[in-house]
PDB file of N, CA and C in Angstrom:
ATOM      1  N   MET A   1     -35.922  43.033 -27.028  1.00  0.00           N
ATOM      2  CA  MET A   1     -36.154  44.434 -27.312  1.00  0.00           C
ATOM      3  C   MET A   1     -37.635  44.623 -27.614  1.00  0.00           C
ATOM      4  N   LYS A   2     -38.208  45.676 -27.044  1.00  0.00           N
ATOM      5  CA  LYS A   2     -39.617  45.967 -27.287  1.00  0.00           C
ATOM      6  C   LYS A   2     -39.762  47.333 -27.938  1.00  0.00           C
ATOM      7  N   ILE A   3     -40.419  47.353 -29.105  1.00  0.00           N
ATOM      8  CA  ILE A   3     -40.704  48.589 -29.825  1.00  0.00           C
ATOM      9  C   ILE A   3     -42.202  48.823 -29.751  1.00  0.00           C
ATOM     10  N   THR A   4     -42.584  50.011 -29.287  1.00  0.00           N
ATOM     11  CA  THR A   4     -43.993  50.362 -29.200  1.00  0.00           C
ATOM     12  C   THR A   4     -44.247  51.599 -30.048  1.00  0.00           C
ATOM     13  N   VAL A   5     -45.262  51.522 -30.893  1.00  0.00           N
ATOM     14  CA  VAL A   5     -45.605  52.624 -31.787  1.00  0.00           C
ATOM     15  C   VAL A   5     -46.973  53.164 -31.399  1.00  0.00           C
ATOM     16  N   CYS A   6     -47.069  54.484 -31.272  1.00  0.00           N
ATOM     17  CA  CYS A   6     -48.353  55.106 -30.990  1.00  0.00           C
ATOM     18  C   CYS A   6     -49.242  54.999 -32.224  1.00  0.00           C
ATOM     19  N   ILE A   7     -50.478  54.552 -32.012  1.00  0.00           N
ATOM     20  CA  ILE A   7     -51.439  54.471 -33.112  1.00  0.00           C
ATOM     21  C   ILE A   7     -52.654  55.353 -32.814  1.00  0.00           C
ATOM     22  N   GLY A   8     -52.472  56.312 -31.911  1.00  0.00           N
ATOM     23  CA  GLY A   8     -53.532  57.262 -31.599  1.00  0.00           C
ATOM     24  C   GLY A   8     -53.807  58.172 -32.785  1.00  0.00           C
ATOM     25  N   SER A   9     -54.852  58.970 -32.702  1.00  0.00           N
ATOM     26  CA  SER A   9     -55.304  59.761 -33.854  1.00  0.00           C
ATOM     27  C   SER A   9     -54.247  60.720 -34.393  1.00  0.00           C
ATOM     28  N   SER A  10     -53.533  61.435 -33.535  1.00  0.00           N
ATOM     29  CA  SER A  10     -52.534  62.390 -34.011  1.00  0.00           C
ATOM     30  C   SER A  10     -51.394  61.672 -34.731  1.00  0.00           C
ATOM     31  N   CYS A  11     -50.893  60.612 -34.143  1.00  0.00           N
ATOM     32  CA  CYS A  11     -49.804  59.857 -34.785  1.00  0.00           C
ATOM     33  C   CYS A  11     -50.302  59.122 -36.031  1.00  0.00           C
ATOM     34  N   HIS A  12     -51.553  58.682 -36.010  1.00  0.00           N
ATOM     35  CA  HIS A  12     -52.125  58.022 -37.191  1.00  0.00           C
ATOM     36  C   HIS A  12     -52.103  58.985 -38.383  1.00  0.00           C
ATOM     37  N   ILE A  13     -52.507  60.226 -38.135  1.00  0.00           N
ATOM     38  CA  ILE A  13     -52.518  61.233 -39.197  1.00  0.00           C
ATOM     39  C   ILE A  13     -51.098  61.489 -39.715  1.00  0.00           C
ATOM     40  N   LYS A  14     -50.107  61.353 -38.846  1.00  0.00           N
ATOM     41  CA  LYS A  14     -48.709  61.616 -39.224  1.00  0.00           C
ATOM     42  C   LYS A  14     -48.009  60.396 -39.817  1.00  0.00           C
ATOM     43  N   GLY A  15     -48.728  59.272 -39.930  1.00  0.00           N
ATOM     44  CA  GLY A  15     -48.162  58.121 -40.626  1.00  0.00           C
ATOM     45  C   GLY A  15     -47.813  56.920 -39.783  1.00  0.00           C
ATOM     46  N   SER A  16     -48.445  56.753 -38.629  1.00  0.00           N
ATOM     47  CA  SER A  16     -48.077  55.616 -37.772  1.00  0.00           C
ATOM     48  C   SER A  16     -48.307  54.270 -38.458  1.00  0.00           C
ATOM     49  N   ARG A  17     -49.325  54.183 -39.299  1.00  0.00           N
ATOM     50  CA  ARG A  17     -49.565  52.911 -39.987  1.00  0.00           C
ATOM     51  C   ARG A  17     -48.376  52.550 -40.886  1.00  0.00           C
ATOM     52  N   GLN A  18     -47.869  53.527 -41.611  1.00  0.00           N
ATOM     53  CA  GLN A  18     -46.710  53.281 -42.483  1.00  0.00           C
ATOM     54  C   GLN A  18     -45.471  52.954 -41.660  1.00  0.00           C
ATOM     55  N   VAL A  19     -45.329  53.589 -40.498  1.00  0.00           N
ATOM     56  CA  VAL A  19     -44.194  53.290 -39.619  1.00  0.00           C
ATOM     57  C   VAL A  19     -44.288  51.843 -39.135  1.00  0.00           C
ATOM     58  N   VAL A  20     -45.474  51.430 -38.696  1.00  0.00           N
ATOM     59  CA  VAL A  20     -45.668  50.051 -38.235  1.00  0.00           C
ATOM     60  C   VAL A  20     -45.365  49.076 -39.364  1.00  0.00           C
ATOM     61  N   GLU A  21     -45.910  49.330 -40.545  1.00  0.00           N
ATOM     62  CA  GLU A  21     -45.681  48.431 -41.686  1.00  0.00           C
ATOM     63  C   GLU A  21     -44.196  48.366 -42.047  1.00  0.00           C
ATOM     64  N   GLY A  22     -43.518  49.506 -42.001  1.00  0.00           N
ATOM     65  CA  GLY A  22     -42.084  49.527 -42.286  1.00  0.00           C
ATOM     66  C   GLY A  22     -41.296  48.724 -41.273  1.00  0.00           C
ATOM     67  N   LEU A  23     -41.637  48.880 -39.999  1.00  0.00           N
ATOM     68  CA  LEU A  23     -40.950  48.123 -38.955  1.00  0.00           C
ATOM     69  C   LEU A  23     -41.236  46.630 -39.069  1.00  0.00           C
ATOM     70  N   GLN A  24     -42.477  46.267 -39.373  1.00  0.00           N
ATOM     71  CA  GLN A  24     -42.815  44.848 -39.557  1.00  0.00           C
ATOM     72  C   GLN A  24     -41.964  44.245 -40.675  1.00  0.00           C
ATOM     73  N   TYR A  25     -41.861  44.965 -41.773  1.00  0.00           N
ATOM     74  CA  TYR A  25     -41.070  44.497 -42.902  1.00  0.00           C
ATOM     75  C   TYR A  25     -39.600  44.337 -42.524  1.00  0.00           C
ATOM     76  N   LEU A  26     -39.027  45.356 -41.877  1.00  0.00           N
ATOM     77  CA  LEU A  26     -37.610  45.320 -41.528  1.00  0.00           C
ATOM     78  C   LEU A  26     -37.300  44.237 -40.502  1.00  0.00           C
ATOM     79  N   ILE A  27     -38.174  44.047 -39.537  1.00  0.00           N
ATOM     80  CA  ILE A  27     -37.981  42.981 -38.545  1.00  0.00           C
ATOM     81  C   ILE A  27     -37.975  41.631 -39.240  1.00  0.00           C
ATOM     82  N   SER A  28     -38.905  41.430 -40.150  1.00  0.00           N
ATOM     83  CA  SER A  28     -38.979  40.171 -40.898  1.00  0.00           C
ATOM     84  C   SER A  28     -37.774  40.006 -41.818  1.00  0.00           C
ATOM     85  N   GLU A  29     -37.423  41.064 -42.527  1.00  0.00           N
ATOM     86  CA  GLU A  29     -36.313  41.039 -43.484  1.00  0.00           C
ATOM     87  C   GLU A  29     -34.987  40.674 -42.817  1.00  0.00           C
ATOM     88  N   HIS A  30     -34.805  41.094 -41.581  1.00  0.00           N
ATOM     89  CA  HIS A  30     -33.566  40.825 -40.850  1.00  0.00           C
ATOM     90  C   HIS A  30     -33.693  39.638 -39.886  1.00  0.00           C
ATOM     91  N   ASN A  31     -34.791  38.882 -40.021  1.00  0.00           N
ATOM     92  CA  ASN A  31     -35.033  37.688 -39.192  1.00  0.00           C
ATOM     93  C   ASN A  31     -34.885  37.977 -37.696  1.00  0.00           C
ATOM     94  N   LEU A  32     -35.524  39.061 -37.243  1.00  0.00           N
ATOM     95  CA  LEU A  32     -35.414  39.461 -35.842  1.00  0.00           C
ATOM     96  C   LEU A  32     -36.707  39.228 -35.062  1.00  0.00           C
ATOM     97  N   GLY A  33     -37.620  38.455 -35.630  1.00  0.00           N
ATOM     98  CA  GLY A  33     -38.899  38.208 -34.980  1.00  0.00           C
ATOM     99  C   GLY A  33     -38.779  37.607 -33.591  1.00  0.00           C
ATOM    100  N   ASP A  34     -37.706  36.870 -33.337  1.00  0.00           N
ATOM    101  CA  ASP A  34     -37.511  36.257 -32.026  1.00  0.00           C
ATOM    102  C   ASP A  34     -36.796  37.196 -31.047  1.00  0.00           C
ATOM    103  N   LYS A  35     -36.284  38.328 -31.555  1.00  0.00           N
ATOM    104  CA  LYS A  35     -35.537  39.260 -30.702  1.00  0.00           C
ATOM    105  C   LYS A  35     -36.235  40.595 -30.503  1.00  0.00           C
ATOM    106  N   VAL A  36     -37.189  40.905 -31.386  1.00  0.00           N
ATOM    107  CA  VAL A  36     -37.854  42.202 -31.338  1.00  0.00           C
ATOM    108  C   VAL A  36     -39.361  42.006 -31.228  1.00  0.00           C
ATOM    109  N   GLU A  37     -39.942  42.604 -30.204  1.00  0.00           N
ATOM    110  CA  GLU A  37     -41.393  42.581 -30.025  1.00  0.00           C
ATOM    111  C   GLU A  37     -41.931  43.934 -30.468  1.00  0.00           C
ATOM    112  N   LEU A  38     -42.863  43.929 -31.418  1.00  0.00           N
ATOM    113  CA  LEU A  38     -43.464  45.159 -31.928  1.00  0.00           C
ATOM    114  C   LEU A  38     -44.902  45.234 -31.459  1.00  0.00           C
ATOM    115  N   SER A  39     -45.264  46.354 -30.846  1.00  0.00           N
ATOM    116  CA  SER A  39     -46.640  46.511 -30.387  1.00  0.00           C
ATOM    117  C   SER A  39     -47.106  47.942 -30.621  1.00  0.00           C
ATOM    118  N   GLY A  40     -48.401  48.137 -30.464  1.00  0.00           N
ATOM    119  CA  GLY A  40     -48.993  49.454 -30.622  1.00  0.00           C
ATOM    120  C   GLY A  40     -49.620  49.902 -29.318  1.00  0.00           C
ATOM    121  N   THR A  41     -49.776  51.196 -29.175  1.00  0.00           N
ATOM    122  CA  THR A  41     -50.419  51.762 -27.999  1.00  0.00           C
ATOM    123  C   THR A  41     -51.108  53.047 -28.412  1.00  0.00           C
ATOM    124  N   PHE A  42     -51.991  53.515 -27.560  1.00  0.00           N
ATOM    125  CA  PHE A  42     -52.605  54.807 -27.823  1.00  0.00           C
ATOM    126  C   PHE A  42     -51.797  55.884 -27.137  1.00  0.00           C
ATOM    127  N   CYS A  43     -52.193  57.090 -27.241  1.00  0.00           N
ATOM    128  CA  CYS A  43     -51.441  58.295 -26.918  1.00  0.00           C
ATOM    129  C   CYS A  43     -50.339  58.150 -25.869  1.00  0.00           C
ATOM    130  N   MET A  44     -49.150  58.603 -26.258  1.00  0.00           N
ATOM    131  CA  MET A  44     -47.994  58.630 -25.360  1.00  0.00           C
ATOM    132  C   MET A  44     -47.803  60.019 -24.765  1.00  0.00           C
ATOM    133  N   GLY A  45     -48.683  60.958 -25.140  1.00  0.00           N
ATOM    134  CA  GLY A  45     -48.635  62.297 -24.575  1.00  0.00           C
ATOM    135  C   GLY A  45     -47.649  63.250 -25.228  1.00  0.00           C
ATOM    136  N   LYS A  46     -47.093  62.861 -26.362  1.00  0.00           N
ATOM    137  CA  LYS A  46     -46.129  63.734 -27.049  1.00  0.00           C
ATOM    138  C   LYS A  46     -46.581  63.942 -28.491  1.00  0.00           C
ATOM    139  N   CYS A  47     -47.852  64.251 -28.652  1.00  0.00           N
ATOM    140  CA  CYS A  47     -48.474  64.329 -29.978  1.00  0.00           C
ATOM    141  C   CYS A  47     -47.761  65.272 -30.936  1.00  0.00           C
ATOM    142  N   LYS A  48     -47.207  66.355 -30.439  1.00  0.00           N
ATOM    143  CA  LYS A  48     -46.558  67.339 -31.309  1.00  0.00           C
ATOM    144  C   LYS A  48     -45.252  66.805 -31.901  1.00  0.00           C
ATOM    145  N   ASP A  49     -44.730  65.711 -31.371  1.00  0.00           N
ATOM    146  CA  ASP A  49     -43.439  65.197 -31.796  1.00  0.00           C
ATOM    147  C   ASP A  49     -43.502  64.206 -32.952  1.00  0.00           C
ATOM    148  N   GLY A  50     -44.623  64.082 -33.614  1.00  0.00           N
ATOM    149  CA  GLY A  50     -44.696  63.162 -34.745  1.00  0.00           C
ATOM    150  C   GLY A  50     -45.116  61.780 -34.305  1.00  0.00           C
ATOM    151  N   VAL A  51     -44.803  60.789 -35.091  1.00  0.00           N
ATOM    152  CA  VAL A  51     -45.156  59.414 -34.710  1.00  0.00           C
ATOM    153  C   VAL A  51     -44.254  59.027 -33.540  1.00  0.00           C
ATOM    154  N   CYS A  52     -44.872  58.791 -32.406  1.00  0.00           N
ATOM    155  CA  CYS A  52     -44.143  58.465 -31.180  1.00  0.00           C
ATOM    156  C   CYS A  52     -43.812  56.978 -31.149  1.00  0.00           C
ATOM    157  N   VAL A  53     -42.546  56.684 -30.924  1.00  0.00           N
ATOM    158  CA  VAL A  53     -42.077  55.301 -30.868  1.00  0.00           C
ATOM    159  C   VAL A  53     -41.154  55.174 -29.662  1.00  0.00           C
ATOM    160  N   THR A  54     -41.303  54.092 -28.916  1.00  0.00           N
ATOM    161  CA  THR A  54     -40.344  53.823 -27.856  1.00  0.00           C
ATOM    162  C   THR A  54     -39.624  52.518 -28.161  1.00  0.00           C
ATOM    163  N   VAL A  55     -38.345  52.496 -27.814  1.00  0.00           N
ATOM    164  CA  VAL A  55     -37.529  51.290 -27.899  1.00  0.00           C
ATOM    165  C   VAL A  55     -37.068  51.030 -26.475  1.00  0.00           C
ATOM    166  N   ASP A  56     -37.591  49.976 -25.874  1.00  0.00           N
ATOM    167  CA  ASP A  56     -37.303  49.683 -24.466  1.00  0.00           C
ATOM    168  C   ASP A  56     -37.469  50.944 -23.605  1.00  0.00           C
ATOM    169  N   ASP A  57     -38.586  51.628 -23.788  1.00  0.00           N
ATOM    170  CA  ASP A  57     -38.980  52.813 -23.027  1.00  0.00           C
ATOM    171  C   ASP A  57     -38.193  54.085 -23.343  1.00  0.00           C
ATOM    172  N   LYS A  58     -37.315  54.067 -24.345  1.00  0.00           N
ATOM    173  CA  LYS A  58     -36.623  55.288 -24.762  1.00  0.00           C
ATOM    174  C   LYS A  58     -37.399  55.892 -25.937  1.00  0.00           C
ATOM    175  N   PHE A  59     -37.780  57.170 -25.800  1.00  0.00           N
ATOM    176  CA  PHE A  59     -38.636  57.832 -26.780  1.00  0.00           C
ATOM    177  C   PHE A  59     -37.892  58.244 -28.046  1.00  0.00           C
ATOM    178  N   HIS A  60     -38.603  58.078 -29.188  1.00  0.00           N
ATOM    179  CA  HIS A  60     -38.103  58.516 -30.494  1.00  0.00           C
ATOM    180  C   HIS A  60     -39.263  59.094 -31.279  1.00  0.00           C
ATOM    181  N   SER A  61     -38.971  60.030 -32.150  1.00  0.00           N
ATOM    182  CA  SER A  61     -39.954  60.549 -33.094  1.00  0.00           C
ATOM    183  C   SER A  61     -39.574  60.020 -34.470  1.00  0.00           C
ATOM    184  N   VAL A  62     -40.497  59.295 -35.098  1.00  0.00           N
ATOM    185  CA  VAL A  62     -40.201  58.628 -36.361  1.00  0.00           C
ATOM    186  C   VAL A  62     -41.233  59.053 -37.399  1.00  0.00           C
ATOM    187  N   THR A  63     -40.793  59.189 -38.635  1.00  0.00           N
ATOM    188  CA  THR A  63     -41.709  59.461 -39.742  1.00  0.00           C
ATOM    189  C   THR A  63     -41.658  58.266 -40.687  1.00  0.00           C
ATOM    190  N   PRO A  64     -42.666  58.145 -41.570  1.00  0.00           N
ATOM    191  CA  PRO A  64     -42.588  57.055 -42.549  1.00  0.00           C
ATOM    192  C   PRO A  64     -41.294  57.104 -43.364  1.00  0.00           C
ATOM    193  N   GLU A  65     -40.783  58.321 -43.603  1.00  0.00           N
ATOM    194  CA  GLU A  65     -39.549  58.477 -44.394  1.00  0.00           C
ATOM    195  C   GLU A  65     -38.294  58.116 -43.605  1.00  0.00           C
ATOM    196  N   SER A  66     -38.360  58.160 -42.286  1.00  0.00           N
ATOM    197  CA  SER A  66     -37.160  57.906 -41.483  1.00  0.00           C
ATOM    198  C   SER A  66     -37.113  56.513 -40.854  1.00  0.00           C
ATOM    199  N   VAL A  67     -38.069  55.646 -41.198  1.00  0.00           N
ATOM    200  CA  VAL A  67     -38.134  54.313 -40.580  1.00  0.00           C
ATOM    201  C   VAL A  67     -36.844  53.526 -40.802  1.00  0.00           C
ATOM    202  N   ASP A  68     -36.338  53.510 -42.014  1.00  0.00           N
ATOM    203  CA  ASP A  68     -35.127  52.723 -42.308  1.00  0.00           C
ATOM    204  C   ASP A  68     -33.944  53.193 -41.469  1.00  0.00           C
ATOM    205  N   ASP A  69     -33.738  54.495 -41.417  1.00  0.00           N
ATOM    206  CA  ASP A  69     -32.635  55.070 -40.647  1.00  0.00           C
ATOM    207  C   ASP A  69     -32.823  54.794 -39.159  1.00  0.00           C
ATOM    208  N   PHE A  70     -34.042  54.991 -38.667  1.00  0.00           N
ATOM    209  CA  PHE A  70     -34.366  54.715 -37.268  1.00  0.00           C
ATOM    210  C   PHE A  70     -34.058  53.256 -36.927  1.00  0.00           C
ATOM    211  N   PHE A  71     -34.478  52.340 -37.796  1.00  0.00           N
ATOM    212  CA  PHE A  71     -34.281  50.909 -37.560  1.00  0.00           C
ATOM    213  C   PHE A  71     -32.798  50.565 -37.507  1.00  0.00           C
ATOM    214  N   GLU A  72     -32.046  51.106 -38.449  1.00  0.00           N
ATOM    215  CA  GLU A  72     -30.607  50.826 -38.496  1.00  0.00           C
ATOM    216  C   GLU A  72     -29.896  51.327 -37.240  1.00  0.00           C
ATOM    217  N   LYS A  73     -30.209  52.550 -36.812  1.00  0.00           N
ATOM    218  CA  LYS A  73     -29.516  53.159 -35.677  1.00  0.00           C
ATOM    219  C   LYS A  73     -29.979  52.639 -34.314  1.00  0.00           C
ATOM    220  N   ASN A  74     -31.267  52.333 -34.192  1.00  0.00           N
ATOM    221  CA  ASN A  74     -31.812  52.020 -32.872  1.00  0.00           C
ATOM    222  C   ASN A  74     -32.195  50.565 -32.662  1.00  0.00           C
ATOM    223  N   VAL A  75     -32.201  49.784 -33.724  1.00  0.00           N
ATOM    224  CA  VAL A  75     -32.546  48.374 -33.583  1.00  0.00           C
ATOM    225  C   VAL A  75     -31.374  47.497 -34.021  1.00  0.00           C
ATOM    226  N   LEU A  76     -30.979  47.602 -35.274  1.00  0.00           N
ATOM    227  CA  LEU A  76     -29.903  46.743 -35.787  1.00  0.00           C
ATOM    228  C   LEU A  76     -28.604  46.915 -35.012  1.00  0.00           C
ATOM    229  N   SER A  77     -28.241  48.145 -34.730  1.00  0.00           N
ATOM    230  CA  SER A  77     -26.974  48.385 -34.040  1.00  0.00           C
ATOM    231  C   SER A  77     -26.974  47.826 -32.622  1.00  0.00           C
ATOM    232  N   VAL A  78     -28.151  47.674 -32.028  1.00  0.00           N
ATOM    233  CA  VAL A  78     -28.269  47.178 -30.667  1.00  0.00           C
ATOM    234  C   VAL A  78     -28.428  45.661 -30.615  1.00  0.00           C
ATOM    235  N   VAL A  79     -29.228  45.117 -31.543  1.00  0.00           N
ATOM    236  CA  VAL A  79     -29.557  43.688 -31.522  1.00  0.00           C
ATOM    237  C   VAL A  79     -28.417  42.827 -32.025  1.00  0.00           C
ATOM    238  N   LYS A  80     -27.697  43.297 -33.047  1.00  0.00           N
ATOM    239  CA  LYS A  80     -26.671  42.439 -33.667  1.00  0.00           C
ATOM    240  C   LYS A  80     -25.355  42.480 -32.956  1.00  0.00           C
TER     241      LYS A  80
END
């Protein structure tokens, strides 16, 4: 599974750093480092939608407050 987080200026202002840190923590906490690849990219072209995140090319809008819920629904439920 590949998770890509936008780290462009608009998403950075909306909390992309906190989203990345939250995902890094959750991936480590659930010992998924061998199953989940986390990377960053610049603008995905959907700046108005918040922090842009893709999971295997499927788009999601994530906030620092919704990282846990996003991870549970879109990563844990798929990987385990």
